[in-house]
Amino acid sequence: MLAGMALSYAGSQAAAEAQEVAGRWNKKVAERNASLLRTAAEDLLFESKLDILNFQTQYRKFEKETESAIMKSGFDAYSGTGLEILLANADQADEEIRRIDYASRARARDIREQATGVSLKGDIAMFEAKASANATRTEAMATLLSQGSKMVDA
């Protein structure tokens, strides 16, 4: 009977340890996934800076073409209507740059929020595993004490 009690207790302890191992594994996986998401957010911000640089390059070409077209039409590109056209184009370009920047920052924020959620899920998985392991250990101890008490009474 003592051997059976000892084996039952040892099995419960092993089960509790396995629960904790699973919790640690789930936490590591969650942290890895959260790290990948944080990197994706940073990559997105970097890409948006490249997009802005590309847009500025394209805009400078467009600006030169517009200046040339205004001058070919016989107008001064730097006064009156020609200047108004160039300023309006510049305002639109600035607005487009602000839109690209805002959209990328908003997407990066959302991705970082996802990373936080994934990380928290890992914390919860670890907490649940520890709680489950503690419950298993407590149940094993209670069973061991109960069986021991019955053995003493017999």
N, C-alpha and C. Protein backbone atom coordinates (compact mmCIF):
# COMPACT_ATOMS: atom_id res chain seq x y z
N MET A 1 0.83 -1.19 0.00
CA MET A 1 0.00 0.00 0.00
C MET A 1 0.87 1.26 0.00
N LEU A 2 1.98 1.26 0.76
CA LEU A 2 2.89 2.41 0.78
C LEU A 2 3.49 2.66 -0.60
N ALA A 3 3.83 1.59 -1.29
CA ALA A 3 4.40 1.73 -2.63
C ALA A 3 3.40 2.39 -3.57
N GLY A 4 2.15 2.00 -3.49
CA GLY A 4 1.10 2.59 -4.33
C GLY A 4 0.91 4.06 -4.02
N MET A 5 0.95 4.40 -2.72
CA MET A 5 0.82 5.80 -2.33
C MET A 5 1.99 6.62 -2.86
N ALA A 6 3.18 6.06 -2.75
CA ALA A 6 4.38 6.77 -3.21
C ALA A 6 4.35 6.96 -4.73
N LEU A 7 3.94 5.93 -5.45
CA LEU A 7 3.84 6.04 -6.91
C LEU A 7 2.79 7.05 -7.34
N SER A 8 1.66 7.06 -6.66
CA SER A 8 0.60 8.02 -6.97
C SER A 8 1.09 9.44 -6.73
N TYR A 9 1.77 9.64 -5.61
CA TYR A 9 2.30 10.97 -5.27
C TYR A 9 3.36 11.40 -6.30
N ALA A 10 4.26 10.49 -6.63
CA ALA A 10 5.32 10.80 -7.61
C ALA A 10 4.72 11.12 -8.97
N GLY A 11 3.69 10.37 -9.35
CA GLY A 11 3.03 10.63 -10.63
C GLY A 11 2.38 12.01 -10.65
N SER A 12 1.76 12.38 -9.55
CA SER A 12 1.13 13.70 -9.46
C SER A 12 2.18 14.81 -9.53
N GLN A 13 3.32 14.59 -8.88
CA GLN A 13 4.40 15.58 -8.92
C GLN A 13 4.94 15.73 -10.35
N ALA A 14 5.07 14.61 -11.04
CA ALA A 14 5.53 14.65 -12.43
C ALA A 14 4.52 15.38 -13.32
N ALA A 15 3.24 15.14 -13.07
CA ALA A 15 2.19 15.83 -13.85
C ALA A 15 2.25 17.33 -13.59
N ALA A 16 2.47 17.72 -12.34
CA ALA A 16 2.57 19.14 -12.01
C ALA A 16 3.76 19.77 -12.71
N GLU A 17 4.88 19.08 -12.72
CA GLU A 17 6.07 19.60 -13.40
C GLU A 17 5.81 19.73 -14.90
N ALA A 18 5.13 18.76 -15.48
CA ALA A 18 4.80 18.82 -16.92
C ALA A 18 3.90 20.02 -17.21
N GLN A 19 2.99 20.31 -16.32
CA GLN A 19 2.11 21.48 -16.50
C GLN A 19 2.94 22.77 -16.50
N GLU A 20 3.90 22.84 -15.59
CA GLU A 20 4.75 24.03 -15.54
C GLU A 20 5.64 24.14 -16.78
N VAL A 21 6.16 23.01 -17.24
CA VAL A 21 6.98 23.01 -18.46
C VAL A 21 6.15 23.52 -19.64
N ALA A 22 4.93 23.04 -19.74
CA ALA A 22 4.05 23.49 -20.83
C ALA A 22 3.79 24.99 -20.72
N GLY A 23 3.59 25.47 -19.51
CA GLY A 23 3.37 26.90 -19.31
C GLY A 23 4.57 27.73 -19.72
N ARG A 24 5.77 27.28 -19.33
CA ARG A 24 6.99 27.99 -19.71
C ARG A 24 7.16 27.99 -21.23
N TRP A 25 6.86 26.86 -21.86
CA TRP A 25 6.96 26.76 -23.32
C TRP A 25 5.99 27.73 -23.99
N ASN A 26 4.75 27.73 -23.53
CA ASN A 26 3.74 28.64 -24.11
C ASN A 26 4.15 30.10 -23.92
N LYS A 27 4.74 30.42 -22.79
CA LYS A 27 5.21 31.79 -22.53
C LYS A 27 6.33 32.15 -23.50
N LYS A 28 7.28 31.22 -23.70
CA LYS A 28 8.39 31.48 -24.64
C LYS A 28 7.87 31.69 -26.06
N VAL A 29 6.92 30.86 -26.46
CA VAL A 29 6.35 31.00 -27.80
C VAL A 29 5.65 32.36 -27.93
N ALA A 30 4.89 32.73 -26.91
CA ALA A 30 4.19 34.02 -26.94
C ALA A 30 5.18 35.18 -27.01
N GLU A 31 6.26 35.10 -26.24
CA GLU A 31 7.27 36.17 -26.26
C GLU A 31 7.95 36.25 -27.62
N ARG A 32 8.21 35.09 -28.23
CA ARG A 32 8.80 35.08 -29.57
C ARG A 32 7.86 35.75 -30.56
N ASN A 33 6.59 35.39 -30.51
CA ASN A 33 5.61 35.97 -31.42
C ASN A 33 5.45 37.47 -31.17
N ALA A 34 5.46 37.87 -29.92
CA ALA A 34 5.36 39.30 -29.60
C ALA A 34 6.58 40.05 -30.14
N SER A 35 7.75 39.44 -30.01
CA SER A 35 8.97 40.06 -30.52
C SER A 35 8.90 40.22 -32.04
N LEU A 36 8.39 39.21 -32.72
CA LEU A 36 8.24 39.30 -34.18
C LEU A 36 7.29 40.42 -34.56
N LEU A 37 6.21 40.57 -33.80
CA LEU A 37 5.26 41.65 -34.08
C LEU A 37 5.89 43.02 -33.84
N ARG A 38 6.65 43.15 -32.75
CA ARG A 38 7.31 44.44 -32.50
C ARG A 38 8.30 44.77 -33.63
N THR A 39 9.01 43.75 -34.11
CA THR A 39 9.93 43.96 -35.23
C THR A 39 9.16 44.37 -36.48
N ALA A 40 8.01 43.74 -36.70
CA ALA A 40 7.18 44.09 -37.86
C ALA A 40 6.73 45.55 -37.78
N ALA A 41 6.41 46.02 -36.59
CA ALA A 41 6.00 47.41 -36.42
C ALA A 41 7.15 48.35 -36.77
N GLU A 42 8.35 48.02 -36.31
CA GLU A 42 9.50 48.85 -36.62
C GLU A 42 9.81 48.82 -38.12
N ASP A 43 9.69 47.65 -38.72
CA ASP A 43 9.91 47.52 -40.17
C ASP A 43 8.92 48.38 -40.94
N LEU A 44 7.68 48.37 -40.49
CA LEU A 44 6.65 49.16 -41.16
C LEU A 44 7.00 50.65 -41.11
N LEU A 45 7.46 51.13 -39.97
CA LEU A 45 7.85 52.54 -39.86
C LEU A 45 9.03 52.86 -40.77
N PHE A 46 9.98 51.93 -40.85
CA PHE A 46 11.13 52.14 -41.73
C PHE A 46 10.67 52.19 -43.19
N GLU A 47 9.80 51.25 -43.57
CA GLU A 47 9.29 51.23 -44.94
C GLU A 47 8.54 52.51 -45.27
N SER A 48 7.82 53.05 -44.31
CA SER A 48 7.08 54.28 -44.59
C SER A 48 8.04 55.44 -44.83
N LYS A 49 9.18 55.45 -44.12
CA LYS A 49 10.18 56.49 -44.38
C LYS A 49 10.73 56.36 -45.79
N LEU A 50 10.94 55.13 -46.22
CA LEU A 50 11.39 54.91 -47.60
C LEU A 50 10.31 55.35 -48.59
N ASP A 51 9.04 55.05 -48.28
CA ASP A 51 7.94 55.48 -49.14
C ASP A 51 7.90 57.01 -49.26
N ILE A 52 8.12 57.68 -48.13
CA ILE A 52 8.12 59.15 -48.14
C ILE A 52 9.28 59.67 -48.99
N LEU A 53 10.46 59.07 -48.83
CA LEU A 53 11.60 59.50 -49.65
C LEU A 53 11.33 59.28 -51.14
N ASN A 54 10.73 58.14 -51.46
CA ASN A 54 10.38 57.85 -52.86
C ASN A 54 9.35 58.87 -53.37
N PHE A 55 8.36 59.16 -52.54
CA PHE A 55 7.34 60.15 -52.94
C PHE A 55 7.99 61.52 -53.16
N GLN A 56 8.91 61.91 -52.28
CA GLN A 56 9.56 63.21 -52.43
C GLN A 56 10.38 63.27 -53.71
N THR A 57 11.02 62.16 -54.05
CA THR A 57 11.79 62.10 -55.30
C THR A 57 10.85 62.26 -56.50
N GLN A 58 9.75 61.54 -56.46
CA GLN A 58 8.77 61.63 -57.55
C GLN A 58 8.17 63.04 -57.62
N TYR A 59 7.92 63.62 -56.46
CA TYR A 59 7.34 64.97 -56.43
C TYR A 59 8.31 65.99 -57.02
N ARG A 60 9.59 65.88 -56.70
CA ARG A 60 10.57 66.83 -57.25
C ARG A 60 10.58 66.76 -58.79
N LYS A 61 10.48 65.55 -59.33
CA LYS A 61 10.42 65.40 -60.80
C LYS A 61 9.15 66.06 -61.33
N PHE A 62 8.04 65.81 -60.66
CA PHE A 62 6.75 66.40 -61.06
C PHE A 62 6.83 67.93 -60.98
N GLU A 63 7.47 68.44 -59.93
CA GLU A 63 7.59 69.89 -59.73
C GLU A 63 8.37 70.52 -60.88
N LYS A 64 9.47 69.85 -61.26
CA LYS A 64 10.28 70.37 -62.38
C LYS A 64 9.48 70.36 -63.68
N GLU A 65 8.72 69.29 -63.90
CA GLU A 65 7.89 69.20 -65.12
C GLU A 65 6.82 70.28 -65.12
N THR A 66 6.24 70.53 -63.95
CA THR A 66 5.20 71.56 -63.85
C THR A 66 5.79 72.94 -64.11
N GLU A 67 6.95 73.23 -63.52
CA GLU A 67 7.63 74.52 -63.76
C GLU A 67 7.90 74.71 -65.25
N SER A 68 8.40 73.64 -65.85
CA SER A 68 8.71 73.71 -67.28
C SER A 68 7.46 73.96 -68.11
N ALA A 69 6.36 73.27 -67.78
CA ALA A 69 5.11 73.46 -68.53
C ALA A 69 4.57 74.87 -68.36
N ILE A 70 4.68 75.42 -67.16
CA ILE A 70 4.20 76.79 -66.91
C ILE A 70 5.02 77.78 -67.75
N MET A 71 6.35 77.59 -67.74
CA MET A 71 7.22 78.51 -68.49
C MET A 71 7.02 78.36 -70.00
N LYS A 72 6.77 77.15 -70.47
CA LYS A 72 6.52 76.93 -71.90
C LYS A 72 5.22 77.59 -72.33
N SER A 73 4.32 77.76 -71.38
CA SER A 73 3.04 78.42 -71.68
C SER A 73 3.18 79.93 -71.68
N GLY A 74 4.38 80.42 -71.35
CA GLY A 74 4.62 81.85 -71.40
C GLY A 74 4.38 82.54 -70.06
N PHE A 75 4.23 81.81 -69.01
CA PHE A 75 4.01 82.40 -67.69
C PHE A 75 5.26 82.28 -66.85
N ASP A 76 5.32 83.15 -65.83
CA ASP A 76 6.41 83.07 -64.85
C ASP A 76 6.00 82.03 -63.81
N ALA A 77 6.84 81.03 -63.59
CA ALA A 77 6.51 79.96 -62.66
C ALA A 77 6.61 80.42 -61.21
N TYR A 78 7.26 81.57 -60.96
CA TYR A 78 7.53 81.98 -59.59
C TYR A 78 6.77 83.25 -59.17
N SER A 79 5.69 83.54 -59.90
CA SER A 79 4.83 84.65 -59.49
C SER A 79 3.43 84.40 -60.05
N GLY A 80 2.46 85.05 -59.49
CA GLY A 80 1.10 84.97 -59.99
C GLY A 80 0.55 83.55 -59.99
N THR A 81 -0.16 83.23 -61.10
CA THR A 81 -0.82 81.93 -61.22
C THR A 81 0.17 80.78 -61.19
N GLY A 82 1.31 80.94 -61.82
CA GLY A 82 2.32 79.88 -61.83
C GLY A 82 2.77 79.53 -60.41
N LEU A 83 2.99 80.57 -59.61
CA LEU A 83 3.39 80.35 -58.23
C LEU A 83 2.26 79.70 -57.44
N GLU A 84 1.04 80.13 -57.69
CA GLU A 84 -0.11 79.53 -56.99
C GLU A 84 -0.23 78.03 -57.30
N ILE A 85 0.01 77.68 -58.54
CA ILE A 85 -0.05 76.26 -58.94
C ILE A 85 1.04 75.46 -58.21
N LEU A 86 2.26 75.99 -58.20
CA LEU A 86 3.36 75.31 -57.53
C LEU A 86 3.11 75.19 -56.02
N LEU A 87 2.58 76.23 -55.41
CA LEU A 87 2.28 76.20 -53.98
C LEU A 87 1.17 75.20 -53.66
N ALA A 88 0.15 75.16 -54.52
CA ALA A 88 -0.94 74.19 -54.31
C ALA A 88 -0.40 72.76 -54.43
N ASN A 89 0.46 72.53 -55.41
CA ASN A 89 1.06 71.21 -55.56
C ASN A 89 1.91 70.86 -54.33
N ALA A 90 2.66 71.83 -53.83
CA ALA A 90 3.50 71.60 -52.65
C ALA A 90 2.63 71.28 -51.42
N ASP A 91 1.51 72.00 -51.29
CA ASP A 91 0.59 71.72 -50.18
C ASP A 91 0.04 70.30 -50.28
N GLN A 92 -0.33 69.90 -51.49
CA GLN A 92 -0.85 68.53 -51.67
C GLN A 92 0.24 67.50 -51.36
N ALA A 93 1.47 67.79 -51.76
CA ALA A 93 2.57 66.86 -51.47
C ALA A 93 2.80 66.75 -49.96
N ASP A 94 2.78 67.89 -49.28
CA ASP A 94 2.94 67.85 -47.81
C ASP A 94 1.82 67.05 -47.16
N GLU A 95 0.62 67.23 -47.66
CA GLU A 95 -0.53 66.49 -47.11
C GLU A 95 -0.36 64.98 -47.35
N GLU A 96 0.13 64.61 -48.51
CA GLU A 96 0.35 63.19 -48.81
C GLU A 96 1.42 62.60 -47.89
N ILE A 97 2.45 63.36 -47.64
CA ILE A 97 3.51 62.90 -46.72
C ILE A 97 2.95 62.72 -45.32
N ARG A 98 2.14 63.66 -44.86
CA ARG A 98 1.51 63.53 -43.54
C ARG A 98 0.60 62.31 -43.49
N ARG A 99 -0.12 62.04 -44.59
CA ARG A 99 -1.02 60.89 -44.63
C ARG A 99 -0.24 59.58 -44.57
N ILE A 100 0.84 59.49 -45.33
CA ILE A 100 1.68 58.27 -45.31
C ILE A 100 2.24 58.06 -43.91
N ASP A 101 2.74 59.13 -43.30
CA ASP A 101 3.33 59.04 -41.97
C ASP A 101 2.28 58.63 -40.93
N TYR A 102 1.13 59.28 -40.97
CA TYR A 102 0.08 58.97 -39.99
C TYR A 102 -0.40 57.52 -40.13
N ALA A 103 -0.64 57.10 -41.37
CA ALA A 103 -1.14 55.74 -41.61
C ALA A 103 -0.14 54.70 -41.12
N SER A 104 1.13 54.93 -41.36
CA SER A 104 2.13 53.95 -40.93
C SER A 104 2.26 53.94 -39.41
N ARG A 105 2.20 55.12 -38.79
CA ARG A 105 2.28 55.15 -37.32
C ARG A 105 1.06 54.48 -36.70
N ALA A 106 -0.11 54.67 -37.30
CA ALA A 106 -1.33 54.02 -36.78
C ALA A 106 -1.23 52.50 -36.94
N ARG A 107 -0.77 52.02 -38.09
CA ARG A 107 -0.61 50.58 -38.29
C ARG A 107 0.44 50.00 -37.34
N ALA A 108 1.54 50.73 -37.15
CA ALA A 108 2.59 50.26 -36.23
C ALA A 108 2.04 50.20 -34.80
N ARG A 109 1.25 51.19 -34.42
CA ARG A 109 0.64 51.18 -33.08
C ARG A 109 -0.25 49.97 -32.91
N ASP A 110 -1.05 49.67 -33.92
CA ASP A 110 -1.94 48.51 -33.86
C ASP A 110 -1.14 47.21 -33.74
N ILE A 111 -0.05 47.12 -34.47
CA ILE A 111 0.79 45.92 -34.42
C ILE A 111 1.44 45.79 -33.04
N ARG A 112 1.90 46.93 -32.49
CA ARG A 112 2.49 46.88 -31.13
C ARG A 112 1.44 46.47 -30.10
N GLU A 113 0.21 46.90 -30.29
CA GLU A 113 -0.88 46.48 -29.40
C GLU A 113 -1.11 44.97 -29.51
N GLN A 114 -1.03 44.46 -30.73
CA GLN A 114 -1.13 43.00 -30.92
C GLN A 114 -0.01 42.30 -30.16
N ALA A 115 1.19 42.86 -30.24
CA ALA A 115 2.34 42.26 -29.55
C ALA A 115 2.10 42.24 -28.04
N THR A 116 1.54 43.31 -27.52
CA THR A 116 1.24 43.36 -26.10
C THR A 116 0.21 42.29 -25.73
N GLY A 117 -0.80 42.14 -26.56
CA GLY A 117 -1.82 41.11 -26.32
C GLY A 117 -1.24 39.71 -26.35
N VAL A 118 -0.38 39.45 -27.30
CA VAL A 118 0.26 38.13 -27.40
C VAL A 118 1.13 37.88 -26.17
N SER A 119 1.87 38.89 -25.76
CA SER A 119 2.72 38.75 -24.58
C SER A 119 1.88 38.49 -23.32
N LEU A 120 0.77 39.20 -23.20
CA LEU A 120 -0.11 38.98 -22.05
C LEU A 120 -0.71 37.58 -22.06
N LYS A 121 -1.04 37.07 -23.24
CA LYS A 121 -1.54 35.70 -23.33
C LYS A 121 -0.49 34.71 -22.83
N GLY A 122 0.77 34.98 -23.13
CA GLY A 122 1.85 34.14 -22.63
C GLY A 122 1.94 34.20 -21.11
N ASP A 123 1.78 35.41 -20.55
CA ASP A 123 1.79 35.56 -19.09
C ASP A 123 0.64 34.78 -18.47
N ILE A 124 -0.52 34.88 -19.10
CA ILE A 124 -1.70 34.17 -18.58
C ILE A 124 -1.50 32.66 -18.66
N ALA A 125 -0.94 32.19 -19.77
CA ALA A 125 -0.68 30.75 -19.93
C ALA A 125 0.26 30.26 -18.83
N MET A 126 1.28 31.06 -18.52
CA MET A 126 2.22 30.68 -17.47
C MET A 126 1.52 30.67 -16.11
N PHE A 127 0.73 31.69 -15.85
CA PHE A 127 0.00 31.76 -14.58
C PHE A 127 -0.95 30.58 -14.43
N GLU A 128 -1.68 30.26 -15.51
CA GLU A 128 -2.61 29.13 -15.46
C GLU A 128 -1.87 27.82 -15.24
N ALA A 129 -0.72 27.66 -15.88
CA ALA A 129 0.06 26.43 -15.72
C ALA A 129 0.54 26.29 -14.28
N LYS A 130 1.01 27.39 -13.70
CA LYS A 130 1.48 27.34 -12.31
C LYS A 130 0.31 27.03 -11.36
N ALA A 131 -0.83 27.67 -11.62
CA ALA A 131 -2.00 27.43 -10.77
C ALA A 131 -2.45 25.98 -10.88
N SER A 132 -2.45 25.44 -12.09
CA SER A 132 -2.84 24.05 -12.30
C SER A 132 -1.84 23.10 -11.63
N ALA A 133 -0.56 23.41 -11.75
CA ALA A 133 0.46 22.58 -11.12
C ALA A 133 0.32 22.62 -9.60
N ASN A 134 0.06 23.80 -9.06
CA ASN A 134 -0.14 23.90 -7.61
C ASN A 134 -1.36 23.12 -7.16
N ALA A 135 -2.43 23.17 -7.95
CA ALA A 135 -3.64 22.41 -7.62
C ALA A 135 -3.34 20.91 -7.66
N THR A 136 -2.58 20.48 -8.66
CA THR A 136 -2.22 19.06 -8.75
C THR A 136 -1.39 18.64 -7.55
N ARG A 137 -0.42 19.48 -7.17
CA ARG A 137 0.42 19.16 -6.00
C ARG A 137 -0.41 19.12 -4.71
N THR A 138 -1.32 20.07 -4.58
CA THR A 138 -2.17 20.12 -3.38
C THR A 138 -3.07 18.90 -3.31
N GLU A 139 -3.63 18.55 -4.45
CA GLU A 139 -4.50 17.36 -4.50
C GLU A 139 -3.70 16.10 -4.18
N ALA A 140 -2.48 16.01 -4.69
CA ALA A 140 -1.64 14.85 -4.41
C ALA A 140 -1.32 14.76 -2.92
N MET A 141 -1.00 15.89 -2.32
CA MET A 141 -0.69 15.90 -0.89
C MET A 141 -1.92 15.53 -0.08
N ALA A 142 -3.07 16.05 -0.46
CA ALA A 142 -4.30 15.73 0.26
C ALA A 142 -4.61 14.24 0.15
N THR A 143 -4.43 13.67 -1.03
CA THR A 143 -4.67 12.24 -1.23
C THR A 143 -3.69 11.42 -0.41
N LEU A 144 -2.42 11.83 -0.42
CA LEU A 144 -1.40 11.13 0.35
C LEU A 144 -1.73 11.16 1.84
N LEU A 145 -2.11 12.31 2.34
CA LEU A 145 -2.46 12.43 3.76
C LEU A 145 -3.70 11.62 4.11
N SER A 146 -4.67 11.65 3.20
CA SER A 146 -5.91 10.89 3.44
C SER A 146 -5.62 9.39 3.47
N GLN A 147 -4.84 8.92 2.51
CA GLN A 147 -4.51 7.50 2.48
C GLN A 147 -3.65 7.10 3.69
N GLY A 148 -2.74 8.00 4.07
CA GLY A 148 -1.91 7.73 5.23
C GLY A 148 -2.75 7.66 6.51
N SER A 149 -3.72 8.54 6.59
CA SER A 149 -4.60 8.54 7.76
C SER A 149 -5.41 7.27 7.83
N LYS A 150 -5.91 6.82 6.67
CA LYS A 150 -6.69 5.58 6.62
C LYS A 150 -5.81 4.39 7.00
N MET A 151 -4.53 4.45 6.59
CA MET A 151 -3.61 3.34 6.90
C MET A 151 -3.32 3.28 8.41
N VAL A 152 -3.20 4.46 9.01
CA VAL A 152 -2.93 4.51 10.45
C VAL A 152 -4.16 4.03 11.22
N ASP A 153 -5.34 4.40 10.76
CA ASP A 153 -6.59 4.01 11.43
C ASP A 153 -6.85 2.50 11.29
N ALA A 154 -6.32 1.90 10.26
CA ALA A 154 -6.61 0.48 10.03
C ALA A 154 -5.81 -0.45 10.87
